[in-house]
Amino acid sequence: IVCTRIEIGLALENIPYPLMGDTIYTPNEMVWDPLFVDPLELYEFVSEVGIRMVFDTCHWGTLNFPISLKRIVEKIKDKVTHLHISDYWGRWLPGTSVFKEGLIPGGGFLGEEQFRELLCFLKNDSRDYTLTLEVWDSDFQNPKESRESIRRIISWLS
């Protein structure tokens, strides 16, 4: 039997605020520290410890930073190895969530223009990226919405 060495990379994801989208718990009951909410803080940490990062577009969008998806990825691209692609709607308020993630890219608050711009950048950048389309249909029973997401991403990457 011949074995070759396989390298396994570790990456951390930018996360939404603890309890984002949870209507049961309050901020006083947080289960994790919001250290990795801001991708720039996460970038500093992964640079320090020598690992990579996963960038989640939906989690970024919920933060309401006045910078586009493309511009933030340009700033952190040398550490980004993978991206989770989805849109969202709503805003989270403790105990009264109206936040929903997993929308078709371009079908929520981030909008088509930001996703087109980001995917064009990724396509033309010299780095290799992998993408996960993190989309749920609105009622978890309509696969047409998921198919639409896949077609939309492919057309933007073409």
Protein backbone atom coordinates (compact mmCIF):
# COMPACT_ATOMS: atom_id res chain seq x y z
CA ILE A 1 0.00 0.00 0.00
CA VAL A 2 1.32 3.39 -1.00
CA CYS A 3 0.29 6.41 1.04
CA THR A 4 0.96 10.02 0.25
CA ARG A 5 0.89 12.91 2.64
CA ILE A 6 -2.38 14.79 2.65
CA GLU A 7 -2.44 18.31 3.99
CA ILE A 8 -5.47 19.28 5.98
CA GLY A 9 -6.16 22.98 6.33
CA LEU A 10 -7.99 24.63 9.18
CA ALA A 11 -10.20 27.65 8.59
CA LEU A 12 -12.45 29.73 10.84
CA GLU A 13 -15.65 31.37 9.64
CA ASN A 14 -16.86 34.89 10.30
CA ILE A 15 -19.97 34.34 12.38
CA PRO A 16 -23.03 36.46 13.06
CA TYR A 17 -23.55 37.93 16.48
CA PRO A 18 -24.27 35.29 19.09
CA LEU A 19 -27.95 34.40 19.13
CA MET A 20 -28.56 36.20 15.81
CA GLY A 21 -31.98 35.15 14.66
CA ASP A 22 -32.92 33.53 17.95
CA THR A 23 -36.17 34.66 19.51
CA ILE A 24 -35.85 32.51 22.63
CA TYR A 25 -32.61 33.69 24.22
CA THR A 26 -31.39 37.14 25.20
CA PRO A 27 -27.87 38.62 24.86
CA ASN A 28 -27.29 37.84 28.56
CA GLU A 29 -27.46 34.14 27.66
CA MET A 30 -24.82 34.19 24.90
CA VAL A 31 -22.98 30.94 24.40
CA TRP A 32 -19.93 32.27 22.56
CA ASP A 33 -17.85 35.40 22.45
CA PRO A 34 -18.41 37.59 19.37
CA LEU A 35 -14.66 37.60 18.59
CA PHE A 36 -15.08 36.45 14.98
CA VAL A 37 -18.05 38.60 13.99
CA ASP A 38 -15.96 41.23 12.17
CA PRO A 39 -14.01 39.61 9.30
CA LEU A 40 -11.16 42.09 9.78
CA GLU A 41 -10.72 40.96 13.39
CA LEU A 42 -10.89 37.35 12.25
CA TYR A 43 -8.31 38.14 9.56
CA GLU A 44 -5.92 39.46 12.20
CA PHE A 45 -6.41 36.37 14.35
CA VAL A 46 -5.95 33.79 11.56
CA SER A 47 -2.88 35.68 10.35
CA GLU A 48 -1.42 35.53 13.85
CA VAL A 49 -2.02 31.80 14.35
CA GLY A 50 -1.26 30.74 10.77
CA ILE A 51 -4.58 29.33 9.59
CA ARG A 52 -7.12 30.33 6.91
CA MET A 53 -10.64 31.71 6.94
CA VAL A 54 -14.09 31.04 5.53
CA PHE A 55 -16.01 34.15 4.51
CA ASP A 56 -19.81 33.98 4.85
CA THR A 57 -21.60 36.63 2.76
CA CYS A 58 -24.83 36.43 4.74
CA HIS A 59 -23.08 36.83 8.08
CA TRP A 60 -21.19 39.83 6.68
CA GLY A 61 -24.39 41.42 5.43
CA THR A 62 -26.13 41.26 8.79
CA LEU A 63 -23.46 43.55 10.27
CA ASN A 64 -24.50 46.56 8.14
CA PHE A 65 -20.94 47.69 7.48
CA PRO A 66 -20.82 50.34 4.75
CA ILE A 67 -18.49 48.32 2.51
CA SER A 68 -19.35 45.95 -0.32
CA LEU A 69 -18.80 42.20 -0.39
CA LYS A 70 -16.13 42.63 -3.04
CA ARG A 71 -14.20 45.28 -1.09
CA ILE A 72 -14.12 43.28 2.15
CA VAL A 73 -12.99 40.13 0.32
CA GLU A 74 -10.27 42.15 -1.43
CA LYS A 75 -8.97 43.17 2.01
CA ILE A 76 -8.86 39.62 3.40
CA LYS A 77 -8.33 37.55 0.25
CA ASP A 78 -4.89 36.23 1.12
CA LYS A 79 -6.43 34.31 4.05
CA VAL A 80 -9.78 33.34 2.47
CA THR A 81 -9.88 29.76 1.25
CA HIS A 82 -13.63 29.20 1.05
CA LEU A 83 -16.82 31.27 0.81
CA HIS A 84 -20.39 30.57 1.89
CA ILE A 85 -22.68 32.31 -0.58
CA SER A 86 -26.22 33.36 0.39
CA ASP A 87 -28.33 36.45 0.98
CA TYR A 88 -30.59 37.38 3.92
CA TRP A 89 -33.46 39.59 4.99
CA GLY A 90 -34.44 41.17 8.27
CA ARG A 91 -32.59 42.48 11.29
CA TRP A 92 -32.08 40.69 14.57
CA LEU A 93 -33.44 42.23 17.74
CA PRO A 94 -33.14 40.32 21.01
CA GLY A 95 -36.29 38.31 21.60
CA THR A 96 -38.02 39.52 18.42
CA SER A 97 -36.05 38.21 15.49
CA VAL A 98 -37.00 39.04 11.94
CA PHE A 99 -33.70 37.72 10.52
CA LYS A 100 -33.57 34.93 7.94
CA GLU A 101 -30.44 33.69 6.21
CA GLY A 102 -30.04 31.31 3.29
CA LEU A 103 -31.83 33.32 0.62
CA ILE A 104 -30.95 33.03 -3.05
CA PRO A 105 -27.91 35.25 -3.71
CA GLY A 106 -29.26 38.58 -4.89
CA GLY A 107 -32.72 37.87 -3.53
CA GLY A 108 -32.31 39.71 -0.23
CA PHE A 109 -30.74 42.80 1.32
CA LEU A 110 -27.30 42.32 -0.25
CA GLY A 111 -28.80 42.30 -3.73
CA GLU A 112 -27.73 41.09 -7.16
CA GLU A 113 -25.19 43.84 -7.86
CA GLN A 114 -23.03 42.94 -4.84
CA PHE A 115 -23.02 39.24 -5.71
CA ARG A 116 -22.24 39.88 -9.39
CA GLU A 117 -19.38 42.17 -8.38
CA LEU A 118 -18.00 39.65 -5.85
CA LEU A 119 -18.20 36.65 -8.18
CA CYS A 120 -16.61 38.60 -11.03
CA PHE A 121 -13.75 39.50 -8.69
CA LEU A 122 -13.32 35.87 -7.55
CA LYS A 123 -13.39 34.61 -11.13
CA ASN A 124 -10.68 37.06 -12.21
CA ASP A 125 -8.48 36.76 -9.11
CA SER A 126 -5.42 34.52 -9.39
CA ARG A 127 -6.22 32.63 -6.19
CA ASP A 128 -8.22 29.42 -5.99
CA TYR A 129 -11.44 29.66 -4.03
CA THR A 130 -14.17 27.17 -3.28
CA LEU A 131 -17.78 28.22 -2.80
CA THR A 132 -20.68 26.68 -0.93
CA LEU A 133 -24.10 27.84 -1.98
CA GLU A 134 -25.91 28.00 1.38
CA VAL A 135 -29.49 28.32 0.26
CA TRP A 136 -32.71 27.01 1.70
CA ASP A 137 -35.97 27.26 -0.12
CA SER A 138 -38.54 29.39 1.61
CA ASP A 139 -40.64 26.47 2.78
CA PHE A 140 -37.92 23.77 2.75
CA GLN A 141 -40.00 21.93 0.14
CA ASN A 142 -39.46 23.90 -3.06
CA PRO A 143 -36.31 22.69 -4.85
CA LYS A 144 -36.96 25.17 -7.70
CA GLU A 145 -35.53 27.96 -5.53
CA SER A 146 -32.33 26.02 -4.93
CA ARG A 147 -32.01 25.26 -8.64
CA GLU A 148 -32.51 28.95 -9.39
CA SER A 149 -29.66 29.80 -7.02
CA ILE A 150 -27.31 27.40 -8.74
CA ARG A 151 -28.21 28.74 -12.19
CA ARG A 152 -27.77 32.34 -11.02
CA ILE A 153 -24.29 31.68 -9.56
CA ILE A 154 -23.18 29.81 -12.69
CA SER A 155 -24.36 32.66 -14.92
CA TRP A 156 -22.47 35.21 -12.81
CA LEU A 157 -19.32 33.09 -12.97
CA SER A 158 -19.56 32.67 -16.77
